[in-house]
C-alpha atoms as a PDB file:
ATOM      1  CA  MET A   1     -22.503 -20.835 -39.295  1.00  0.00           C
ATOM      2  CA  LYS A   2     -24.289 -23.766 -37.468  1.00  0.00           C
ATOM      3  CA  GLU A   3     -23.777 -20.738 -33.984  1.00  0.00           C
ATOM      4  CA  SER A   4     -25.309 -18.673 -36.276  1.00  0.00           C
ATOM      5  CA  ILE A   5     -28.178 -20.258 -37.531  1.00  0.00           C
ATOM      6  CA  SER A   6     -28.197 -21.047 -33.697  1.00  0.00           C
ATOM      7  CA  LEU A   7     -28.733 -17.155 -32.553  1.00  0.00           C
ATOM      8  CA  VAL A   8     -31.812 -16.805 -34.959  1.00  0.00           C
ATOM      9  CA  ASN A   9     -33.698 -19.026 -32.983  1.00  0.00           C
ATOM     10  CA  ALA A  10     -34.192 -15.499 -30.329  1.00  0.00           C
ATOM     11  CA  PHE A  11     -36.033 -13.916 -32.847  1.00  0.00           C
ATOM     12  CA  GLY A  12     -38.835 -14.978 -32.482  1.00  0.00           C
ATOM     13  CA  HIS A  13     -39.568 -11.822 -31.797  1.00  0.00           C
ATOM     14  CA  SER A  14     -38.926  -8.600 -32.469  1.00  0.00           C
ATOM     15  CA  THR A  15     -35.701  -7.628 -33.031  1.00  0.00           C
ATOM     16  CA  ALA A  16     -36.929  -4.140 -30.444  1.00  0.00           C
ATOM     17  CA  ASP A  17     -37.363  -6.909 -27.553  1.00  0.00           C
ATOM     18  CA  LYS A  18     -37.116  -5.968 -24.261  1.00  0.00           C
ATOM     19  CA  ARG A  19     -33.893  -9.622 -24.629  1.00  0.00           C
ATOM     20  CA  ILE A  20     -32.187  -7.894 -27.100  1.00  0.00           C
ATOM     21  CA  GLU A  21     -32.429  -4.181 -25.481  1.00  0.00           C
ATOM     22  CA  VAL A  22     -30.652  -6.014 -22.186  1.00  0.00           C
ATOM     23  CA  LEU A  23     -27.295  -7.765 -23.978  1.00  0.00           C
ATOM     24  CA  ARG A  24     -26.942  -4.348 -25.914  1.00  0.00           C
ATOM     25  CA  LEU A  25     -27.402  -2.428 -22.002  1.00  0.00           C
ATOM     26  CA  ILE A  26     -24.602  -4.582 -20.761  1.00  0.00           C
ATOM     27  CA  GLU A  27     -22.443  -4.371 -23.269  1.00  0.00           C
ATOM     28  CA  GLY A  28     -22.610  -1.171 -22.426  1.00  0.00           C
ATOM     29  CA  THR A  29     -21.909  -0.937 -19.405  1.00  0.00           C
ATOM     30  CA  GLY A  30     -20.387  -3.880 -18.084  1.00  0.00           C
ATOM     31  CA  SER A  31     -23.736  -4.065 -15.736  1.00  0.00           C
ATOM     32  CA  ILE A  32     -26.272  -6.322 -15.359  1.00  0.00           C
ATOM     33  CA  SER A  33     -27.361  -4.256 -11.799  1.00  0.00           C
ATOM     34  CA  GLN A  34     -27.192  -1.067 -14.551  1.00  0.00           C
ATOM     35  CA  ALA A  35     -28.357  -2.754 -17.596  1.00  0.00           C
ATOM     36  CA  ALA A  36     -31.993  -3.299 -15.495  1.00  0.00           C
ATOM     37  CA  ARG A  37     -31.894   0.013 -14.093  1.00  0.00           C
ATOM     38  CA  GLU A  38     -31.121   1.502 -17.887  1.00  0.00           C
ATOM     39  CA  ALA A  39     -33.967  -0.419 -19.586  1.00  0.00           C
ATOM     40  CA  GLY A  40     -36.420   0.322 -16.808  1.00  0.00           C
ATOM     41  CA  ILE A  41     -37.040  -3.141 -15.351  1.00  0.00           C
ATOM     42  CA  SER A  42     -36.375  -4.857 -12.086  1.00  0.00           C
ATOM     43  CA  TYR A  43     -32.115  -7.042 -12.210  1.00  0.00           C
ATOM     44  CA  LYS A  44     -35.441 -10.541 -11.325  1.00  0.00           C
ATOM     45  CA  ALA A  45     -36.506  -9.455 -15.250  1.00  0.00           C
ATOM     46  CA  ALA A  46     -33.007  -8.960 -16.256  1.00  0.00           C
ATOM     47  CA  TRP A  47     -32.128 -12.244 -15.741  1.00  0.00           C
ATOM     48  CA  GLN A  48     -34.657 -13.768 -17.007  1.00  0.00           C
ATOM     49  CA  ALA A  49     -34.204 -11.610 -20.478  1.00  0.00           C
ATOM     50  CA  ILE A  50     -30.119 -13.499 -20.647  1.00  0.00           C
ATOM     51  CA  ASP A  51     -32.237 -17.170 -20.004  1.00  0.00           C
ATOM     52  CA  THR A  52     -34.572 -16.784 -21.900  1.00  0.00           C
ATOM     53  CA  LEU A  53     -32.182 -16.350 -25.154  1.00  0.00           C
ATOM     54  CA  THR A  54     -29.610 -18.473 -22.692  1.00  0.00           C
ATOM     55  CA  ASN A  55     -31.876 -20.674 -23.770  1.00  0.00           C
ATOM     56  CA  LEU A  56     -33.467 -20.248 -27.447  1.00  0.00           C
ATOM     57  CA  THR A  57     -29.852 -20.155 -28.920  1.00  0.00           C
ATOM     58  CA  GLY A  58     -28.839 -22.490 -26.822  1.00  0.00           C
ATOM     59  CA  MET A  59     -25.238 -20.708 -26.258  1.00  0.00           C
ATOM     60  CA  THR A  60     -23.579 -18.517 -22.246  1.00  0.00           C
ATOM     61  CA  LEU A  61     -23.989 -15.191 -24.107  1.00  0.00           C
ATOM     62  CA  VAL A  62     -23.065 -13.536 -20.435  1.00  0.00           C
ATOM     63  CA  GLU A  63     -20.180 -14.329 -18.018  1.00  0.00           C
ATOM     64  CA  LYS A  64     -20.617 -12.335 -14.903  1.00  0.00           C
ATOM     65  CA  ASN A  65     -17.609 -11.201 -13.469  1.00  0.00           C
ATOM     66  CA  VAL A  66     -16.674 -12.018  -9.494  1.00  0.00           C
ATOM     67  CA  GLY A  67     -14.472  -9.280  -7.148  1.00  0.00           C
ATOM     68  CA  GLY A  68     -12.241  -7.270  -8.768  1.00  0.00           C
ATOM     69  CA  VAL A  69     -12.332  -2.740  -7.859  1.00  0.00           C
ATOM     70  CA  GLY A  70     -15.523  -2.907  -8.508  1.00  0.00           C
ATOM     71  CA  GLY A  71     -16.959  -5.874  -6.926  1.00  0.00           C
ATOM     72  CA  GLY A  72     -17.469  -7.822 -10.769  1.00  0.00           C
ATOM     73  CA  GLY A  73     -19.424  -7.137 -13.013  1.00  0.00           C
ATOM     74  CA  ALA A  74     -20.711  -8.994 -16.918  1.00  0.00           C
ATOM     75  CA  GLN A  75     -19.393  -9.060 -20.534  1.00  0.00           C
ATOM     76  CA  LEU A  76     -21.429 -10.361 -22.925  1.00  0.00           C
ATOM     77  CA  THR A  77     -19.213 -14.289 -24.895  1.00  0.00           C
ATOM     78  CA  GLY A  78     -18.641 -14.099 -28.496  1.00  0.00           C
ATOM     79  CA  ALA A  79     -21.999 -15.502 -28.586  1.00  0.00           C
ATOM     80  CA  GLY A  80     -23.219 -12.240 -27.235  1.00  0.00           C
ATOM     81  CA  LYS A  81     -21.962 -10.400 -29.017  1.00  0.00           C
ATOM     82  CA  ARG A  82     -22.987 -11.797 -32.164  1.00  0.00           C
ATOM     83  CA  LEU A  83     -25.880 -11.788 -31.192  1.00  0.00           C
ATOM     84  CA  LEU A  84     -25.711  -8.032 -31.191  1.00  0.00           C
ATOM     85  CA  GLU A  85     -24.487  -8.340 -35.120  1.00  0.00           C
ATOM     86  CA  ILE A  86     -27.542 -10.068 -35.848  1.00  0.00           C
ATOM     87  CA  ALA A  87     -29.905  -8.064 -33.694  1.00  0.00           C
ATOM     88  CA  ALA A  88     -28.547  -4.914 -35.355  1.00  0.00           C
ATOM     89  CA  LEU A  89     -27.986  -6.741 -38.702  1.00  0.00           C
ATOM     90  CA  LEU A  90     -32.402  -7.747 -38.364  1.00  0.00           C
ATOM     91  CA  GLU A  91     -32.672  -4.367 -37.962  1.00  0.00           C
ATOM     92  CA  ALA A  92     -31.063  -2.521 -40.847  1.00  0.00           C
ATOM     93  CA  LYS A  93     -33.366  -5.098 -43.489  1.00  0.00           C
ATOM     94  CA  ARG A  94     -36.478  -4.603 -41.543  1.00  0.00           C
ATOM     95  CA  GLN A  95     -36.209  -0.866 -41.465  1.00  0.00           C
ATOM     96  CA  HIS A  96     -35.303  -0.876 -45.204  1.00  0.00           C
ATOM     97  CA  LEU A  97     -38.298  -3.204 -45.810  1.00  0.00           C
ATOM     98  CA  LEU A  98     -40.475  -0.691 -44.133  1.00  0.00           C
ATOM     99  CA  ASP A  99     -40.004   2.939 -46.688  1.00  0.00           C
ATOM    100  CA  GLU A 100     -39.996   0.697 -49.814  1.00  0.00           C
ATOM    101  CA  LEU A 101     -43.308  -0.377 -48.331  1.00  0.00           C
ATOM    102  CA  ALA A 102     -44.454   3.465 -47.247  1.00  0.00           C
ATOM    103  CA  LYS A 103     -43.144   4.466 -51.074  1.00  0.00           C
ATOM    104  CA  GLN A 104     -46.336   2.716 -51.844  1.00  0.00           C
ATOM    105  CA  ASP A 105     -49.788   4.328 -52.015  1.00  0.00           C
ATOM    106  CA  ASP A 106     -51.867   1.070 -50.511  1.00  0.00           C
ATOM    107  CA  ALA A 107     -49.640  -0.268 -47.927  1.00  0.00           C
ATOM    108  CA  PRO A 108     -51.030  -0.775 -44.832  1.00  0.00           C
ATOM    109  CA  GLY A 109     -48.770   1.669 -41.491  1.00  0.00           C
ATOM    110  CA  GLU A 110     -46.282  -0.933 -39.570  1.00  0.00           C
ATOM    111  CA  ALA A 111     -49.103  -0.759 -37.325  1.00  0.00           C
ATOM    112  CA  GLY A 112     -51.381  -3.151 -39.620  1.00  0.00           C
ATOM    113  CA  LEU A 113     -48.655  -5.616 -40.784  1.00  0.00           C
ATOM    114  CA  PRO A 114     -49.103  -8.579 -39.103  1.00  0.00           C
ATOM    115  CA  HIS A 115     -46.965  -9.107 -35.800  1.00  0.00           C
ATOM    116  CA  LEU A 116     -46.281 -12.619 -36.569  1.00  0.00           C
ATOM    117  CA  GLY A 117     -43.929 -12.430 -32.705  1.00  0.00           C
ATOM    118  CA  ILE A 118     -46.411 -12.561 -30.578  1.00  0.00           C
ATOM    119  CA  GLN A 119     -44.376 -11.917 -27.178  1.00  0.00           C
ATOM    120  CA  THR A 120     -45.836 -13.712 -24.255  1.00  0.00           C
ATOM    121  CA  SER A 121     -46.360 -13.538 -20.202  1.00  0.00           C
ATOM    122  CA  MET A 122     -45.219 -17.332 -20.584  1.00  0.00           C
ATOM    123  CA  ARG A 123     -41.385 -16.906 -18.792  1.00  0.00           C
ATOM    124  CA  ASN A 124     -40.013 -20.445 -19.189  1.00  0.00           C
ATOM    125  CA  HIS A 125     -39.000 -20.972 -22.882  1.00  0.00           C
ATOM    126  CA  LEU A 126     -38.210 -25.118 -23.662  1.00  0.00           C
ATOM    127  CA  PRO A 127     -36.622 -25.870 -26.680  1.00  0.00           C
ATOM    128  CA  CYS A 128     -37.316 -29.942 -27.761  1.00  0.00           C
ATOM    129  CA  ARG A 129     -38.022 -31.698 -30.867  1.00  0.00           C
ATOM    130  CA  VAL A 130     -41.187 -33.882 -30.836  1.00  0.00           C
ATOM    131  CA  LYS A 131     -40.825 -37.843 -30.062  1.00  0.00           C
ATOM    132  CA  SER A 132     -43.943 -39.595 -29.634  1.00  0.00           C
ATOM    133  CA  LEU A 133     -47.468 -38.716 -29.537  1.00  0.00           C
ATOM    134  CA  LYS A 134     -49.953 -40.380 -27.374  1.00  0.00           C
ATOM    135  CA  LEU A 135     -53.824 -40.344 -28.043  1.00  0.00           C
ATOM    136  CA  THR A 136     -56.911 -41.184 -25.916  1.00  0.00           C
ATOM    137  CA  GLY A 137     -60.424 -39.808 -27.027  1.00  0.00           C
ATOM    138  CA  PRO A 138     -60.299 -36.604 -27.306  1.00  0.00           C
ATOM    139  CA  ILE A 139     -56.908 -36.007 -25.812  1.00  0.00           C
ATOM    140  CA  VAL A 140     -52.310 -36.830 -26.864  1.00  0.00           C
ATOM    141  CA  ARG A 141     -49.959 -36.840 -24.914  1.00  0.00           C
ATOM    142  CA  VAL A 142     -47.165 -34.686 -26.617  1.00  0.00           C
ATOM    143  CA  VAL A 143     -44.475 -36.379 -25.330  1.00  0.00           C
ATOM    144  CA  LEU A 144     -41.362 -33.591 -26.062  1.00  0.00           C
ATOM    145  CA  GLU A 145     -37.528 -34.082 -25.641  1.00  0.00           C
ATOM    146  CA  LEU A 146     -35.447 -32.108 -24.132  1.00  0.00           C
ATOM    147  CA  ARG A 147     -31.627 -31.249 -26.006  1.00  0.00           C
ATOM    148  CA  ASP A 148     -30.060 -34.433 -23.205  1.00  0.00           C
ATOM    149  CA  GLY A 149     -32.412 -36.519 -23.750  1.00  0.00           C
ATOM    150  CA  SER A 150     -35.044 -35.985 -20.858  1.00  0.00           C
ATOM    151  CA  MET A 151     -38.471 -35.539 -21.421  1.00  0.00           C
ATOM    152  CA  LEU A 152     -41.603 -33.610 -20.748  1.00  0.00           C
ATOM    153  CA  VAL A 153     -45.058 -34.209 -21.683  1.00  0.00           C
ATOM    154  CA  ALA A 154     -47.331 -31.900 -23.110  1.00  0.00           C
ATOM    155  CA  ARG A 155     -51.892 -32.344 -22.531  1.00  0.00           C
ATOM    156  CA  ILE A 156     -53.867 -31.320 -25.581  1.00  0.00           C
ATOM    157  CA  THR A 157     -56.460 -31.444 -27.244  1.00  0.00           C
ATOM    158  CA  ARG A 158     -55.850 -33.577 -30.492  1.00  0.00           C
ATOM    159  CA  THR A 159     -57.658 -30.455 -32.583  1.00  0.00           C
ATOM    160  CA  SER A 160     -54.461 -28.505 -31.600  1.00  0.00           C
ATOM    161  CA  ALA A 161     -51.945 -31.473 -32.188  1.00  0.00           C
ATOM    162  CA  GLU A 162     -54.114 -31.382 -35.704  1.00  0.00           C
ATOM    163  CA  LEU A 163     -54.157 -27.669 -36.268  1.00  0.00           C
ATOM    164  CA  LEU A 164     -50.229 -27.576 -35.286  1.00  0.00           C
ATOM    165  CA  ALA A 165     -49.369 -30.410 -37.209  1.00  0.00           C
ATOM    166  CA  LEU A 166     -47.408 -31.953 -34.593  1.00  0.00           C
ATOM    167  CA  LYS A 167     -45.713 -35.364 -35.666  1.00  0.00           C
ATOM    168  CA  PRO A 168     -42.291 -37.692 -33.759  1.00  0.00           C
ATOM    169  CA  GLY A 169     -39.192 -35.211 -34.874  1.00  0.00           C
ATOM    170  CA  LEU A 170     -40.666 -31.496 -34.873  1.00  0.00           C
ATOM    171  CA  SER A 171     -38.644 -28.761 -34.035  1.00  0.00           C
ATOM    172  CA  VAL A 172     -41.021 -26.881 -31.080  1.00  0.00           C
ATOM    173  CA  MET A 173     -40.414 -24.388 -27.964  1.00  0.00           C
ATOM    174  CA  ALA A 174     -42.913 -25.588 -24.687  1.00  0.00           C
ATOM    175  CA  LEU A 175     -44.131 -23.128 -22.619  1.00  0.00           C
ATOM    176  CA  CYS A 176     -44.567 -22.823 -19.321  1.00  0.00           C
ATOM    177  CA  LYS A 177     -45.460 -19.864 -15.891  1.00  0.00           C
ATOM    178  CA  ALA A 178     -43.594 -19.818 -13.758  1.00  0.00           C
ATOM    179  CA  THR A 179     -46.977 -20.375 -11.569  1.00  0.00           C
ATOM    180  CA  ALA A 180     -47.353 -23.723 -12.977  1.00  0.00           C
ATOM    181  CA  VAL A 181     -43.474 -24.684 -11.470  1.00  0.00           C
ATOM    182  CA  LYS A 182     -43.294 -25.822  -8.117  1.00  0.00           C
ATOM    183  CA  ILE A 183     -40.091 -26.342  -6.764  1.00  0.00           C
ATOM    184  CA  ASP A 184     -38.994 -28.727  -4.290  1.00  0.00           C
ATOM    185  CA  ARG A 185     -35.358 -30.798  -2.571  1.00  0.00           C
ATOM    186  CA  GLU A 186     -34.487 -33.692  -4.684  1.00  0.00           C
ATOM    187  CA  THR A 187     -34.680 -35.288  -1.018  1.00  0.00           C
ATOM    188  CA  ALA A 188     -38.824 -34.919  -0.995  1.00  0.00           C
ATOM    189  CA  ARG A 189     -40.957 -37.719  -2.933  1.00  0.00           C
ATOM    190  CA  SER A 190     -43.078 -37.010  -5.432  1.00  0.00           C
ATOM    191  CA  ASP A 191     -45.574 -39.646  -7.376  1.00  0.00           C
ATOM    192  CA  ALA A 192     -48.440 -36.905  -8.760  1.00  0.00           C
ATOM    193  CA  ALA A 193     -49.772 -38.818 -11.991  1.00  0.00           C
ATOM    194  CA  ASN A 194     -50.277 -36.430 -14.805  1.00  0.00           C
ATOM    195  CA  PHE A 195     -47.241 -34.591 -13.580  1.00  0.00           C
ATOM    196  CA  ASN A 196     -43.627 -33.532 -15.757  1.00  0.00           C
ATOM    197  CA  LEU A 197     -40.395 -34.192 -13.616  1.00  0.00           C
ATOM    198  CA  LEU A 198     -37.197 -32.023 -14.279  1.00  0.00           C
ATOM    199  CA  HIS A 199     -34.174 -32.399 -12.230  1.00  0.00           C
ATOM    200  CA  GLY A 200     -31.205 -29.340 -11.995  1.00  0.00           C
ATOM    201  CA  VAL A 201     -29.493 -27.492  -9.591  1.00  0.00           C
ATOM    202  CA  VAL A 202     -30.506 -23.964  -7.953  1.00  0.00           C
ATOM    203  CA  ASN A 203     -28.420 -20.630  -9.853  1.00  0.00           C
ATOM    204  CA  ARG A 204     -30.809 -17.873  -8.069  1.00  0.00           C
ATOM    205  CA  ILE A 205     -33.429 -17.038  -5.254  1.00  0.00           C
ATOM    206  CA  SER A 206     -35.917 -14.784  -5.106  1.00  0.00           C
ATOM    207  CA  GLN A 207     -37.572 -14.586  -1.392  1.00  0.00           C
ATOM    208  CA  GLY A 208     -40.450 -13.783  -0.342  1.00  0.00           C
ATOM    209  CA  ASP A 209     -43.219 -13.972   2.506  1.00  0.00           C
ATOM    210  CA  ILE A 210     -44.893 -16.869   1.079  1.00  0.00           C
ATOM    211  CA  GLU A 211     -43.067 -18.238  -1.709  1.00  0.00           C
ATOM    212  CA  ASN A 212     -39.775 -18.004  -3.284  1.00  0.00           C
ATOM    213  CA  GLU A 213     -39.333 -17.412  -7.090  1.00  0.00           C
ATOM    214  CA  VAL A 214     -36.630 -20.245  -7.962  1.00  0.00           C
ATOM    215  CA  SER A 215     -34.514 -20.908 -10.797  1.00  0.00           C
ATOM    216  CA  MET A 216     -33.107 -22.982 -12.154  1.00  0.00           C
ATOM    217  CA  VAL A 217     -30.156 -24.843 -14.086  1.00  0.00           C
ATOM    218  CA  LEU A 218     -31.593 -28.335 -15.905  1.00  0.00           C
ATOM    219  CA  ASP A 219     -29.732 -31.445 -16.165  1.00  0.00           C
ATOM    220  CA  SER A 220     -30.483 -30.549 -19.862  1.00  0.00           C
ATOM    221  CA  GLY A 221     -28.222 -27.585 -19.515  1.00  0.00           C
ATOM    222  CA  LEU A 222     -31.208 -25.365 -20.129  1.00  0.00           C
ATOM    223  CA  GLN A 223     -33.305 -22.880 -17.155  1.00  0.00           C
ATOM    224  CA  LEU A 224     -36.074 -22.674 -14.882  1.00  0.00           C
ATOM    225  CA  VAL A 225     -38.155 -20.179 -12.641  1.00  0.00           C
ATOM    226  CA  GLY A 226     -40.971 -21.526 -10.839  1.00  0.00           C
ATOM    227  CA  PHE A 227     -42.014 -21.307  -7.089  1.00  0.00           C
ATOM    228  CA  SER A 228     -41.451 -23.073  -3.609  1.00  0.00           C
ATOM    229  CA  PRO A 229     -42.357 -22.688  -0.383  1.00  0.00           C
ATOM    230  CA  ALA A 230     -40.607 -19.515   1.932  1.00  0.00           C
ATOM    231  CA  PHE A 231     -40.354 -22.133   4.691  1.00  0.00           C
ATOM    232  CA  LEU A 232     -38.707 -24.776   2.539  1.00  0.00           C
ATOM    233  CA  GLY A 233     -35.531 -22.715   2.643  1.00  0.00           C
ATOM    234  CA  ILE A 234     -34.095 -24.368  -0.363  1.00  0.00           C
ATOM    235  CA  ARG A 235     -30.899 -22.542  -1.070  1.00  0.00           C
ATOM    236  CA  GLU A 236     -28.138 -22.264  -4.644  1.00  0.00           C
ATOM    237  CA  GLN A 237     -26.678 -25.050  -5.685  1.00  0.00           C
ATOM    238  CA  GLU A 238     -29.024 -26.988  -4.306  1.00  0.00           C
ATOM    239  CA  ARG A 239     -30.163 -29.758  -6.130  1.00  0.00           C
ATOM    240  CA  VAL A 240     -33.947 -29.862  -5.877  1.00  0.00           C
ATOM    241  CA  PHE A 241     -36.368 -30.678  -8.591  1.00  0.00           C
ATOM    242  CA  ALA A 242     -39.665 -29.367 -10.389  1.00  0.00           C
ATOM    243  CA  LEU A 243     -42.786 -30.465 -10.558  1.00  0.00           C
ATOM    244  CA  VAL A 244     -44.752 -29.727 -13.845  1.00  0.00           C
ATOM    245  CA  ASP A 245     -48.295 -30.553 -14.565  1.00  0.00           C
ATOM    246  CA  GLU A 246     -48.960 -31.652 -18.038  1.00  0.00           C
ATOM    247  CA  SER A 247     -51.720 -29.561 -18.381  1.00  0.00           C
ATOM    248  CA  THR A 248     -50.054 -25.977 -17.647  1.00  0.00           C
ATOM    249  CA  VAL A 249     -47.279 -26.907 -20.667  1.00  0.00           C
ATOM    250  CA  VAL A 250     -47.927 -24.855 -24.184  1.00  0.00           C
ATOM    251  CA  VAL A 251     -46.716 -26.401 -27.313  1.00  0.00           C
ATOM    252  CA  ALA A 252     -45.357 -23.884 -29.705  1.00  0.00           C
ATOM    253  CA  LEU A 253     -44.390 -24.105 -33.127  1.00  0.00           C
ATOM    254  CA  LEU A 254     -41.069 -22.385 -33.927  1.00  0.00           C
ATOM    255  CA  PRO A 255     -41.043 -18.962 -36.356  1.00  0.00           C
END
């Protein structure tokens, strides 16, 4: 029962979400790169889909197979397969509801239905809980607790905090653009004020001319993506930290 509740956290958006499609294609092809091609997205975007769903569910959904005649591949875990089952059930319920509405003369078309599951360009989605709120004039520093007890702070307006009805213990989602995350070596020093410091290990790097896109696994087990100057030469499996400006962290209520 607890596993099903965790998996449902992935459905803040429509089950037609590209991320669910990526999982379906991995199940069918046994390959992340092939799934990306068939979904019409990049390999990097496919991994981002997996990372986001992993964060939202708190479970490992895809396992990579190393070696073999075909050079390795990927397969869904039991939790990944269960997620697809839930997606199919939700889609069937959704279609049934739309069919019933279509029979009503005064029913709005599908385009007129409220789009509660708004998708966003922010690539970092971190489930957490409100630990405390610290008011300073019109600004509130919302202290958020990740699953390992580490802290993340968001600076928002007092009005926003009131509209969201934020309070200690409330489960929320911390959102942040990848471009707002700066990644550096663990040995580097950082004492910048009003910045979050999150520690972890690099698991993927996408090389660039000036900056490298770096994906890391935080000590909390959550995935985070950011950027690092190419000249630093940060490598996979290296211990690093992520620097995130408090004012770039968005607090969102869970559906």
